[in-house]
Amino acid sequence: MKTYFLLFLTLFFTIPGIAQTDFETREITILPNSNLSISGTTNINDFECDFNPLYFKNESFKVHYIDKARSLIFKNSILTLENQNFDCGHRKINNDFHKLLKTEKYPEIFLKIKKIDLNREEEATVTLSFTIAGIENDYRFPIEITWENQVRFKGKLDLNIKDFNLEAPTKIFGLIVIDEEIEIDFNLNIQT
C-alpha cells in the first residue's frame, strides 16, 4: 500500500512538472505605434473610443505558449487594458462609455490570448477571451499577421454588449440609443 502511495505522489508531482516545461515563455512589448479602438453607433451618429497609445510605451508582458502543428497554444497570457485610457473625444461621451463598462466597479478589460491557428502566410485565426465588467466570453475571429522588423497583428471583432450584461445608457428621455453591436479594431505592433 505504501509503495502505491509513493508511486502516486511521484507521478502527481513529476507529470505536471513535465507538462509545464513544454511551454515557452517570452516577454513581448507592445510598441507605441499600435492602436486599439472601440466603436459603435447610435440612432443619431457614430462614436469611437481610442485607447491611448502612450500606454503601450514600454508596456511589456509575458506570454507562455506551445508551438503545435501550425498553432500556438497559450497559457496565462493576459493583456490588461485600463478603461480610463480610452478617449472618446468628448468628456460626456467618455463618461457614458465608463458608465457602460461599469468602470467604477470594473476598471480594467482583460484580453487573454488562448490560441492562434496559422492558416496561410499572413492569415490566422485567433481565439481570445475578453473579460469586460467581470464577464468573460471567448471569441474566435480572423486576423492578419505580418513578420517584418516587428510582428503586427491586425483585426476587427464585432461583439454584442449584451454578452457582458451591459446596458447602454440612453439620453434625452430615450431619444438617443446606443446600438448593442460594437466593433473592436486593433493594429498591435509587437517586439519580442
Protein backbone atom coordinates (compact mmCIF):
# COMPACT_ATOMS: atom_id res chain seq x y z
CA MET A 1 0.00 0.00 0.00
CA LYS A 2 2.85 2.35 0.89
CA THR A 3 4.52 1.62 -2.45
CA TYR A 4 1.38 2.64 -4.39
CA PHE A 5 1.07 5.81 -2.36
CA LEU A 6 4.72 6.77 -3.05
CA LEU A 7 4.26 5.98 -6.75
CA PHE A 8 1.13 8.16 -6.82
CA LEU A 9 2.95 11.07 -5.14
CA THR A 10 5.88 10.75 -7.53
CA LEU A 11 3.59 10.80 -10.58
CA PHE A 12 1.46 13.61 -9.13
CA PHE A 13 4.44 15.93 -8.72
CA THR A 14 6.51 14.97 -11.77
CA ILE A 15 3.92 14.73 -14.56
CA PRO A 16 2.63 18.31 -14.06
CA GLY A 17 6.25 19.45 -13.99
CA ILE A 18 6.94 17.73 -17.30
CA ALA A 19 3.83 19.25 -18.88
CA GLN A 20 4.84 22.70 -17.66
CA THR A 21 8.24 22.55 -19.37
CA ASP A 22 6.58 22.30 -22.81
CA PHE A 23 5.52 25.94 -22.58
CA GLU A 24 7.96 28.57 -23.79
CA THR A 25 7.90 31.95 -22.08
CA ARG A 26 8.66 35.12 -23.97
CA GLU A 27 8.42 38.74 -22.90
CA ILE A 28 6.83 40.95 -25.52
CA THR A 29 6.46 44.70 -25.77
CA ILE A 30 3.52 46.40 -27.45
CA LEU A 31 5.01 49.35 -29.30
CA PRO A 32 3.55 52.87 -29.00
CA ASN A 33 2.76 52.98 -32.74
CA SER A 34 0.00 50.44 -32.03
CA ASN A 35 -3.67 51.35 -31.90
CA LEU A 36 -6.82 49.87 -30.48
CA SER A 37 -10.32 51.33 -30.60
CA ILE A 38 -13.89 50.51 -29.70
CA SER A 39 -16.53 51.98 -31.97
CA GLY A 40 -20.27 51.88 -32.21
CA THR A 41 -23.33 53.68 -33.45
CA THR A 42 -26.35 55.39 -32.00
CA ASN A 43 -29.61 56.14 -33.75
CA ILE A 44 -28.11 59.61 -34.45
CA ASN A 45 -24.35 59.22 -35.11
CA ASP A 46 -21.22 57.10 -34.67
CA PHE A 47 -18.67 57.15 -31.87
CA GLU A 48 -15.13 55.85 -31.49
CA CYS A 49 -13.11 55.46 -28.30
CA ASP A 50 -9.37 55.16 -28.89
CA PHE A 51 -7.01 53.53 -26.45
CA ASN A 52 -4.21 55.95 -25.58
CA PRO A 53 -1.13 54.69 -27.50
CA LEU A 54 1.19 56.19 -24.86
CA TYR A 55 0.00 53.41 -22.55
CA PHE A 56 1.74 50.94 -24.84
CA LYS A 57 5.06 52.76 -24.45
CA ASN A 58 7.43 50.31 -22.77
CA GLU A 59 4.44 48.17 -21.77
CA SER A 60 5.53 44.55 -21.76
CA PHE A 61 4.03 41.32 -20.57
CA LYS A 62 4.88 37.65 -20.67
CA VAL A 63 3.30 35.09 -22.94
CA HIS A 64 3.50 31.35 -22.36
CA TYR A 65 2.91 29.16 -25.39
CA ILE A 66 3.43 25.84 -27.14
CA ASP A 67 4.01 25.62 -30.90
CA LYS A 68 1.98 22.67 -32.24
CA ALA A 69 1.26 21.90 -35.88
CA ARG A 70 0.75 25.45 -37.20
CA SER A 71 -0.96 26.51 -33.98
CA LEU A 72 0.28 28.46 -31.00
CA ILE A 73 -1.49 27.45 -27.79
CA PHE A 74 -1.20 29.96 -24.96
CA LYS A 75 -1.48 29.73 -21.20
CA ASN A 76 -1.77 32.61 -18.71
CA SER A 77 -1.07 35.23 -21.41
CA ILE A 78 -3.18 38.25 -20.48
CA LEU A 79 -3.10 41.86 -21.67
CA THR A 80 -4.73 44.28 -19.23
CA LEU A 81 -6.33 47.46 -20.57
CA GLU A 82 -7.33 50.17 -18.11
CA ASN A 83 -10.69 51.64 -19.06
CA GLN A 84 -9.50 55.16 -18.16
CA ASN A 85 -7.01 55.00 -21.03
CA PHE A 86 -9.83 55.10 -23.62
CA ASP A 87 -10.71 58.51 -25.04
CA CYS A 88 -13.94 59.01 -26.96
CA GLY A 89 -13.15 62.62 -27.91
CA HIS A 90 -15.59 64.35 -25.57
CA ARG A 91 -15.94 64.35 -21.78
CA LYS A 92 -19.66 63.45 -21.81
CA ILE A 93 -19.11 60.56 -24.23
CA ASN A 94 -16.19 59.40 -22.05
CA ASN A 95 -18.49 59.43 -19.01
CA ASP A 96 -21.15 57.44 -20.88
CA PHE A 97 -18.50 54.99 -22.06
CA HIS A 98 -17.30 54.44 -18.48
CA LYS A 99 -20.88 54.01 -17.24
CA LEU A 100 -21.41 51.42 -19.97
CA LEU A 101 -18.27 49.49 -18.94
CA LYS A 102 -19.02 49.89 -15.21
CA THR A 103 -15.52 51.33 -14.83
CA GLU A 104 -16.02 52.31 -11.21
CA LYS A 105 -16.52 48.67 -10.23
CA TYR A 106 -14.51 47.01 -13.04
CA PRO A 107 -11.67 49.40 -14.01
CA GLU A 108 -9.97 47.03 -16.48
CA ILE A 109 -10.63 44.95 -19.56
CA PHE A 110 -8.66 41.70 -19.79
CA LEU A 111 -7.67 40.12 -23.10
CA LYS A 112 -6.47 36.58 -22.65
CA ILE A 113 -4.92 35.04 -25.74
CA LYS A 114 -5.74 31.34 -25.97
CA LYS A 115 -4.77 30.15 -29.43
CA ILE A 116 -3.54 31.30 -32.83
CA ASP A 117 -4.11 28.98 -35.80
CA LEU A 118 -1.80 29.93 -38.67
CA ASN A 119 -3.86 29.46 -41.82
CA ARG A 120 -1.62 30.92 -44.52
CA GLU A 121 1.44 33.13 -44.61
CA GLU A 122 -0.24 36.33 -43.36
CA GLU A 123 -3.61 34.98 -42.26
CA ALA A 124 -4.51 33.42 -38.95
CA THR A 125 -7.43 32.77 -36.67
CA VAL A 126 -7.15 33.84 -33.07
CA THR A 127 -9.11 32.69 -30.04
CA LEU A 128 -9.30 35.37 -27.36
CA SER A 129 -11.10 35.60 -24.09
CA PHE A 130 -12.43 39.06 -23.26
CA THR A 131 -13.35 39.96 -19.69
CA ILE A 132 -15.44 43.13 -19.55
CA ALA A 133 -17.32 44.24 -16.42
CA GLY A 134 -16.47 40.94 -14.74
CA ILE A 135 -17.98 38.75 -17.51
CA GLU A 136 -15.71 36.54 -19.62
CA ASN A 137 -16.50 35.42 -23.18
CA ASP A 138 -14.44 33.64 -25.83
CA TYR A 139 -14.27 34.81 -29.44
CA ARG A 140 -12.65 33.24 -32.49
CA PHE A 141 -12.01 35.51 -35.48
CA PRO A 142 -9.57 36.09 -38.38
CA ILE A 143 -6.51 38.34 -38.08
CA GLU A 144 -3.63 39.41 -40.32
CA ILE A 145 -0.08 38.82 -39.13
CA THR A 146 2.99 40.36 -40.74
CA TRP A 147 6.53 39.41 -39.73
CA GLU A 148 8.92 42.18 -40.67
CA ASN A 149 11.18 44.03 -38.20
CA GLN A 150 8.35 43.58 -35.72
CA VAL A 151 5.28 41.37 -35.57
CA ARG A 152 2.00 43.11 -36.42
CA PHE A 153 -1.44 41.75 -35.51
CA LYS A 154 -4.37 43.44 -37.23
CA GLY A 155 -8.03 42.60 -36.98
CA LYS A 156 -11.61 43.52 -36.16
CA LEU A 157 -14.12 41.89 -33.88
CA ASP A 158 -17.83 42.61 -33.69
CA LEU A 159 -19.43 41.82 -30.37
CA ASN A 160 -22.69 42.45 -28.58
CA ILE A 161 -22.61 44.37 -25.29
CA LYS A 162 -25.41 42.12 -24.03
CA ASP A 163 -22.85 39.26 -23.98
CA PHE A 164 -21.32 41.09 -20.99
CA ASN A 165 -24.64 42.04 -19.32
CA LEU A 166 -24.04 45.69 -20.25
CA GLU A 167 -26.85 48.19 -20.66
CA ALA A 168 -26.15 51.12 -22.94
CA PRO A 169 -27.13 54.45 -21.41
CA THR A 170 -29.92 56.32 -23.19
CA LYS A 171 -30.02 60.10 -23.48
CA ILE A 172 -32.73 62.75 -23.69
CA PHE A 173 -35.53 60.55 -22.35
CA GLY A 174 -34.54 57.63 -24.53
CA LEU A 175 -34.38 59.54 -27.82
CA ILE A 176 -30.67 58.72 -28.30
CA VAL A 177 -29.98 54.99 -28.07
CA ILE A 178 -26.65 53.16 -28.47
CA ASP A 179 -26.77 50.04 -30.65
CA GLU A 180 -25.88 46.78 -28.92
CA GLU A 181 -23.26 45.84 -31.54
CA ILE A 182 -19.79 47.38 -31.11
CA GLU A 183 -16.57 46.84 -33.02
CA ILE A 184 -13.11 46.36 -31.58
CA ASP A 185 -10.45 47.36 -34.10
CA PHE A 186 -6.79 46.71 -33.37
CA ASN A 187 -3.42 47.09 -35.02
CA LEU A 188 -0.82 45.91 -32.50
CA ASN A 189 2.87 46.10 -33.26
CA ILE A 190 4.85 43.69 -31.10
CA GLN A 191 8.52 43.49 -30.32
CA THR A 192 9.80 40.24 -28.83
